[in-house]
Amino acid sequence: MSMQRKNVELCWGLLFGILFGFLLHKGGVTKYDVIIGQLLLIDFTVLKIMLSAVITGMIGLHILNGLGLVQLRPKAGSWGKNAIGGLMFGFGFALLGYCPGTIAGAIGNGYLDAMTAGLAGILLGSGLLAALYPLVKKGPLHWGPFNAVTLPQLFKVNQWVVIVPLAVVLVMVLYLLEWAGL
């Protein structure tokens, strides 16, 4: 890949990152009270924002893939990687009330807790993983491996046979959340 193309891709990534952060802010999910409300199951703003992002991203990426503008490359994984990553994510989320994306948005809003504890947590978690990686790379990270397979590949169907019904179900979930006043 040429250096110029790589720079263009980085610029697009930066632009979409800024747009995503702006939308997180406008949706209110960079506020501690909104995130805690989601964790207490009394405010479903975070779920609504994330479901909207999943629907938009799922459809958008597959359209871009179909046009040849992006190439989807799912990676193989393991239950061990998911468990360790989930525990680290969950610990930080429960301790501070932010996830990495909302920490970045909260820092952009100037929230002191995100600037101090949030940033420290990201650096500490990254450093901890880097320090422990040699110990876990051949052990727990490889427990329960699974292949890089998408649902359309698994069911041996066209991607839209899975995407359209899944998008419809997710839109119905959003509608039901609104209808229930959540």
C-alpha atoms as a PDB file:
ATOM      1  CA  MET A   1       0.000   0.000   0.000  1.00  0.00           C
ATOM      2  CA  SER A   2       1.357   3.391  -0.945  1.00  0.00           C
ATOM      3  CA  MET A   3       2.156   5.984   1.711  1.00  0.00           C
ATOM      4  CA  GLN A   4      -0.297   8.429   0.141  1.00  0.00           C
ATOM      5  CA  ARG A   5      -3.177   5.908   0.316  1.00  0.00           C
ATOM      6  CA  LYS A   6      -2.295   5.076   3.912  1.00  0.00           C
ATOM      7  CA  ASN A   7      -2.386   8.791   4.802  1.00  0.00           C
ATOM      8  CA  VAL A   8      -5.789   9.157   3.129  1.00  0.00           C
ATOM      9  CA  GLU A   9      -7.091   6.162   5.116  1.00  0.00           C
ATOM     10  CA  LEU A  10      -5.730   7.656   8.348  1.00  0.00           C
ATOM     11  CA  CYS A  11      -7.443  10.971   7.556  1.00  0.00           C
ATOM     12  CA  TRP A  12     -10.752   9.180   6.953  1.00  0.00           C
ATOM     13  CA  GLY A  13     -10.304   7.310  10.235  1.00  0.00           C
ATOM     14  CA  LEU A  14      -9.635  10.558  12.084  1.00  0.00           C
ATOM     15  CA  LEU A  15     -12.651  12.240  10.466  1.00  0.00           C
ATOM     16  CA  PHE A  16     -14.991   9.355  11.366  1.00  0.00           C
ATOM     17  CA  GLY A  17     -13.533   9.218  14.892  1.00  0.00           C
ATOM     18  CA  ILE A  18     -14.252  12.908  15.418  1.00  0.00           C
ATOM     19  CA  LEU A  19     -17.752  12.475  13.991  1.00  0.00           C
ATOM     20  CA  PHE A  20     -18.400   9.463  16.252  1.00  0.00           C
ATOM     21  CA  GLY A  21     -17.176  11.413  19.296  1.00  0.00           C
ATOM     22  CA  PHE A  22     -19.398  14.350  18.378  1.00  0.00           C
ATOM     23  CA  LEU A  23     -22.398  12.034  18.040  1.00  0.00           C
ATOM     24  CA  LEU A  24     -21.598  10.363  21.385  1.00  0.00           C
ATOM     25  CA  HIS A  25     -21.563  13.830  22.940  1.00  0.00           C
ATOM     26  CA  LYS A  26     -24.812  14.914  21.248  1.00  0.00           C
ATOM     27  CA  GLY A  27     -26.449  11.641  22.308  1.00  0.00           C
ATOM     28  CA  GLY A  28     -25.504  12.338  25.922  1.00  0.00           C
ATOM     29  CA  VAL A  29     -23.493   9.166  26.477  1.00  0.00           C
ATOM     30  CA  THR A  30     -20.360  10.989  27.583  1.00  0.00           C
ATOM     31  CA  LYS A  31     -22.171  11.944  30.796  1.00  0.00           C
ATOM     32  CA  TYR A  32     -21.458   9.825  33.858  1.00  0.00           C
ATOM     33  CA  ASP A  33     -25.104   9.927  35.014  1.00  0.00           C
ATOM     34  CA  VAL A  34     -26.356   8.538  31.685  1.00  0.00           C
ATOM     35  CA  ILE A  35     -23.861   5.659  31.758  1.00  0.00           C
ATOM     36  CA  ILE A  36     -24.662   4.807  35.378  1.00  0.00           C
ATOM     37  CA  GLY A  37     -28.373   4.975  34.486  1.00  0.00           C
ATOM     38  CA  GLN A  38     -27.757   2.353  31.795  1.00  0.00           C
ATOM     39  CA  LEU A  39     -25.862   0.112  34.217  1.00  0.00           C
ATOM     40  CA  LEU A  40     -28.745   0.439  36.709  1.00  0.00           C
ATOM     41  CA  LEU A  41     -31.251  -0.291  33.888  1.00  0.00           C
ATOM     42  CA  ILE A  42     -33.137   2.971  34.395  1.00  0.00           C
ATOM     43  CA  ASP A  43     -31.837   4.954  31.383  1.00  0.00           C
ATOM     44  CA  PHE A  44     -31.452   3.148  28.055  1.00  0.00           C
ATOM     45  CA  THR A  45     -29.840   6.025  26.148  1.00  0.00           C
ATOM     46  CA  VAL A  46     -26.529   4.146  25.804  1.00  0.00           C
ATOM     47  CA  LEU A  47     -28.256   1.028  24.424  1.00  0.00           C
ATOM     48  CA  LYS A  48     -30.226   3.117  21.927  1.00  0.00           C
ATOM     49  CA  ILE A  49     -27.101   4.944  20.709  1.00  0.00           C
ATOM     50  CA  MET A  50     -25.128   1.702  20.397  1.00  0.00           C
ATOM     51  CA  LEU A  51     -27.931  -0.158  18.587  1.00  0.00           C
ATOM     52  CA  SER A  52     -28.233   2.772  16.164  1.00  0.00           C
ATOM     53  CA  ALA A  53     -24.462   2.640  15.589  1.00  0.00           C
ATOM     54  CA  VAL A  54     -24.548  -1.144  15.038  1.00  0.00           C
ATOM     55  CA  ILE A  55     -27.355  -0.876  12.472  1.00  0.00           C
ATOM     56  CA  THR A  56     -25.686   2.019  10.639  1.00  0.00           C
ATOM     57  CA  GLY A  57     -22.236   0.421  10.731  1.00  0.00           C
ATOM     58  CA  MET A  58     -23.463  -3.021   9.685  1.00  0.00           C
ATOM     59  CA  ILE A  59     -25.366  -1.727   6.663  1.00  0.00           C
ATOM     60  CA  GLY A  60     -22.789   0.934   5.759  1.00  0.00           C
ATOM     61  CA  LEU A  61     -19.785  -1.395   5.901  1.00  0.00           C
ATOM     62  CA  HIS A  62     -21.484  -4.035   3.785  1.00  0.00           C
ATOM     63  CA  ILE A  63     -22.536  -1.463   1.189  1.00  0.00           C
ATOM     64  CA  LEU A  64     -18.951  -0.125   1.050  1.00  0.00           C
ATOM     65  CA  ASN A  65     -17.670  -3.712   0.844  1.00  0.00           C
ATOM     66  CA  GLY A  66     -20.054  -4.442  -2.037  1.00  0.00           C
ATOM     67  CA  LEU A  67     -18.807  -1.343  -3.857  1.00  0.00           C
ATOM     68  CA  GLY A  68     -15.213  -2.471  -3.351  1.00  0.00           C
ATOM     69  CA  LEU A  69     -14.341   0.563  -1.220  1.00  0.00           C
ATOM     70  CA  VAL A  70     -13.445  -1.489   1.860  1.00  0.00           C
ATOM     71  CA  GLN A  71     -12.430  -5.061   2.405  1.00  0.00           C
ATOM     72  CA  LEU A  72     -13.825  -6.914   5.403  1.00  0.00           C
ATOM     73  CA  ARG A  73     -11.282  -9.162   7.088  1.00  0.00           C
ATOM     74  CA  PRO A  74     -12.723 -10.856  10.168  1.00  0.00           C
ATOM     75  CA  LYS A  75     -10.113 -12.264  12.518  1.00  0.00           C
ATOM     76  CA  ALA A  76     -10.083 -15.595  14.315  1.00  0.00           C
ATOM     77  CA  GLY A  77     -10.435 -15.371  18.060  1.00  0.00           C
ATOM     78  CA  SER A  78     -10.731 -17.356  21.241  1.00  0.00           C
ATOM     79  CA  TRP A  79     -12.955 -17.473  24.289  1.00  0.00           C
ATOM     80  CA  GLY A  80      -9.868 -16.766  26.402  1.00  0.00           C
ATOM     81  CA  LYS A  81      -9.188 -13.473  24.603  1.00  0.00           C
ATOM     82  CA  ASN A  82     -12.829 -12.471  24.955  1.00  0.00           C
ATOM     83  CA  ALA A  83     -12.926 -13.391  28.640  1.00  0.00           C
ATOM     84  CA  ILE A  84      -9.706 -11.552  29.548  1.00  0.00           C
ATOM     85  CA  GLY A  85     -10.631  -8.513  27.462  1.00  0.00           C
ATOM     86  CA  GLY A  86     -14.169  -8.521  28.859  1.00  0.00           C
ATOM     87  CA  LEU A  87     -12.904  -8.706  32.433  1.00  0.00           C
ATOM     88  CA  MET A  88     -10.482  -5.812  31.892  1.00  0.00           C
ATOM     89  CA  PHE A  89     -13.169  -3.754  30.143  1.00  0.00           C
ATOM     90  CA  GLY A  90     -15.814  -4.595  32.753  1.00  0.00           C
ATOM     91  CA  PHE A  91     -13.509  -3.845  35.680  1.00  0.00           C
ATOM     92  CA  GLY A  92     -12.660  -0.411  34.308  1.00  0.00           C
ATOM     93  CA  PHE A  93     -16.264   0.288  33.341  1.00  0.00           C
ATOM     94  CA  ALA A  94     -17.603  -0.702  36.778  1.00  0.00           C
ATOM     95  CA  LEU A  95     -14.869   1.201  38.599  1.00  0.00           C
ATOM     96  CA  LEU A  96     -15.162   4.483  36.714  1.00  0.00           C
ATOM     97  CA  GLY A  97     -18.460   4.408  34.841  1.00  0.00           C
ATOM     98  CA  TYR A  98     -16.927   5.039  31.423  1.00  0.00           C
ATOM     99  CA  CYS A  99     -15.881   2.820  28.539  1.00  0.00           C
ATOM    100  CA  PRO A 100     -12.877   3.777  26.369  1.00  0.00           C
ATOM    101  CA  GLY A 101     -15.003   5.577  23.773  1.00  0.00           C
ATOM    102  CA  THR A 102     -16.982   7.554  26.309  1.00  0.00           C
ATOM    103  CA  ILE A 103     -13.785   8.405  28.225  1.00  0.00           C
ATOM    104  CA  ALA A 104     -12.432  10.039  25.057  1.00  0.00           C
ATOM    105  CA  GLY A 105     -15.700  11.940  24.622  1.00  0.00           C
ATOM    106  CA  ALA A 106     -15.780  12.968  28.287  1.00  0.00           C
ATOM    107  CA  ILE A 107     -12.178  14.190  28.042  1.00  0.00           C
ATOM    108  CA  GLY A 108     -13.263  16.238  25.025  1.00  0.00           C
ATOM    109  CA  ASN A 109     -16.039  17.708  27.189  1.00  0.00           C
ATOM    110  CA  GLY A 110     -13.465  18.639  29.840  1.00  0.00           C
ATOM    111  CA  TYR A 111     -14.714  16.265  32.558  1.00  0.00           C
ATOM    112  CA  LEU A 112     -12.010  16.066  35.211  1.00  0.00           C
ATOM    113  CA  ASP A 113     -12.792  12.478  36.282  1.00  0.00           C
ATOM    114  CA  ALA A 114     -12.273  11.250  32.723  1.00  0.00           C
ATOM    115  CA  MET A 115      -9.109  13.315  32.266  1.00  0.00           C
ATOM    116  CA  THR A 116      -7.516  11.912  35.395  1.00  0.00           C
ATOM    117  CA  ALA A 117      -8.888   8.516  36.405  1.00  0.00           C
ATOM    118  CA  GLY A 118     -10.139   7.594  32.921  1.00  0.00           C
ATOM    119  CA  LEU A 119      -6.892   8.317  31.152  1.00  0.00           C
ATOM    120  CA  ALA A 120      -4.921   6.698  33.981  1.00  0.00           C
ATOM    121  CA  GLY A 121      -7.116   3.597  33.702  1.00  0.00           C
ATOM    122  CA  ILE A 122      -6.537   3.296  29.962  1.00  0.00           C
ATOM    123  CA  LEU A 123      -2.782   3.662  30.412  1.00  0.00           C
ATOM    124  CA  LEU A 124      -2.710   1.275  33.387  1.00  0.00           C
ATOM    125  CA  GLY A 125      -4.809  -1.362  31.616  1.00  0.00           C
ATOM    126  CA  SER A 126      -2.723  -1.130  28.443  1.00  0.00           C
ATOM    127  CA  GLY A 127       0.502  -1.303  30.442  1.00  0.00           C
ATOM    128  CA  LEU A 128      -0.773  -4.248  32.487  1.00  0.00           C
ATOM    129  CA  LEU A 129      -1.695  -6.183  29.352  1.00  0.00           C
ATOM    130  CA  ALA A 130       1.679  -5.387  27.757  1.00  0.00           C
ATOM    131  CA  ALA A 131       3.503  -6.562  30.899  1.00  0.00           C
ATOM    132  CA  LEU A 132       1.454  -9.758  31.279  1.00  0.00           C
ATOM    133  CA  TYR A 133       1.243 -10.603  27.578  1.00  0.00           C
ATOM    134  CA  PRO A 134       4.342 -12.833  27.547  1.00  0.00           C
ATOM    135  CA  LEU A 135       2.785 -14.904  30.359  1.00  0.00           C
ATOM    136  CA  VAL A 136      -0.645 -15.321  28.779  1.00  0.00           C
ATOM    137  CA  LYS A 137       0.063 -15.326  25.025  1.00  0.00           C
ATOM    138  CA  LYS A 138       0.497 -19.089  24.781  1.00  0.00           C
ATOM    139  CA  GLY A 139      -1.927 -19.980  27.565  1.00  0.00           C
ATOM    140  CA  PRO A 140      -5.234 -18.337  28.421  1.00  0.00           C
ATOM    141  CA  LEU A 141      -5.409 -16.165  25.308  1.00  0.00           C
ATOM    142  CA  HIS A 142      -5.675 -19.291  23.159  1.00  0.00           C
ATOM    143  CA  TRP A 143      -8.255 -21.194  25.197  1.00  0.00           C
ATOM    144  CA  GLY A 144     -11.298 -22.068  23.101  1.00  0.00           C
ATOM    145  CA  PRO A 145     -10.227 -20.872  19.660  1.00  0.00           C
ATOM    146  CA  PHE A 146     -12.807 -20.132  16.972  1.00  0.00           C
ATOM    147  CA  ASN A 147     -12.461 -19.410  13.267  1.00  0.00           C
ATOM    148  CA  ALA A 148     -12.862 -16.094  11.486  1.00  0.00           C
ATOM    149  CA  VAL A 149     -16.366 -16.708  10.211  1.00  0.00           C
ATOM    150  CA  THR A 150     -19.262 -14.319   9.728  1.00  0.00           C
ATOM    151  CA  LEU A 151     -22.921 -15.285  10.117  1.00  0.00           C
ATOM    152  CA  PRO A 152     -23.525 -15.269   6.325  1.00  0.00           C
ATOM    153  CA  GLN A 153     -20.508 -17.567   5.896  1.00  0.00           C
ATOM    154  CA  LEU A 154     -21.683 -19.808   8.721  1.00  0.00           C
ATOM    155  CA  PHE A 155     -25.179 -20.159   7.213  1.00  0.00           C
ATOM    156  CA  LYS A 156     -23.793 -20.214   3.632  1.00  0.00           C
ATOM    157  CA  VAL A 157     -26.119 -17.424   2.469  1.00  0.00           C
ATOM    158  CA  ASN A 158     -25.790 -14.027   0.836  1.00  0.00           C
ATOM    159  CA  GLN A 159     -24.797 -11.370   3.393  1.00  0.00           C
ATOM    160  CA  TRP A 160     -28.062  -9.440   2.926  1.00  0.00           C
ATOM    161  CA  VAL A 161     -30.106 -12.504   3.949  1.00  0.00           C
ATOM    162  CA  VAL A 162     -28.649 -12.010   7.424  1.00  0.00           C
ATOM    163  CA  ILE A 163     -28.171  -8.220   7.483  1.00  0.00           C
ATOM    164  CA  VAL A 164     -31.694  -7.152   6.511  1.00  0.00           C
ATOM    165  CA  PRO A 165     -33.585  -9.322   9.047  1.00  0.00           C
ATOM    166  CA  LEU A 166     -31.048  -8.485  11.769  1.00  0.00           C
ATOM    167  CA  ALA A 167     -31.413  -4.753  11.047  1.00  0.00           C
ATOM    168  CA  VAL A 168     -35.211  -5.097  11.158  1.00  0.00           C
ATOM    169  CA  VAL A 169     -35.044  -6.882  14.536  1.00  0.00           C
ATOM    170  CA  LEU A 170     -32.705  -4.231  15.958  1.00  0.00           C
ATOM    171  CA  VAL A 171     -34.959  -1.417  14.699  1.00  0.00           C
ATOM    172  CA  MET A 172     -37.904  -3.193  16.348  1.00  0.00           C
ATOM    173  CA  VAL A 173     -35.942  -3.338  19.630  1.00  0.00           C
ATOM    174  CA  LEU A 174     -35.313   0.418  19.349  1.00  0.00           C
ATOM    175  CA  TYR A 175     -39.006   0.999  18.658  1.00  0.00           C
ATOM    176  CA  LEU A 176     -40.045  -1.122  21.646  1.00  0.00           C
ATOM    177  CA  LEU A 177     -37.635   0.744  23.939  1.00  0.00           C
ATOM    178  CA  GLU A 178     -39.163   4.047  22.825  1.00  0.00           C
ATOM    179  CA  TRP A 179     -42.721   2.693  23.075  1.00  0.00           C
ATOM    180  CA  ALA A 180     -42.017   1.487  26.637  1.00  0.00           C
ATOM    181  CA  GLY A 181     -40.635   4.909  27.517  1.00  0.00           C
ATOM    182  CA  LEU A 182     -37.200   3.551  28.374  1.00  0.00           C
END
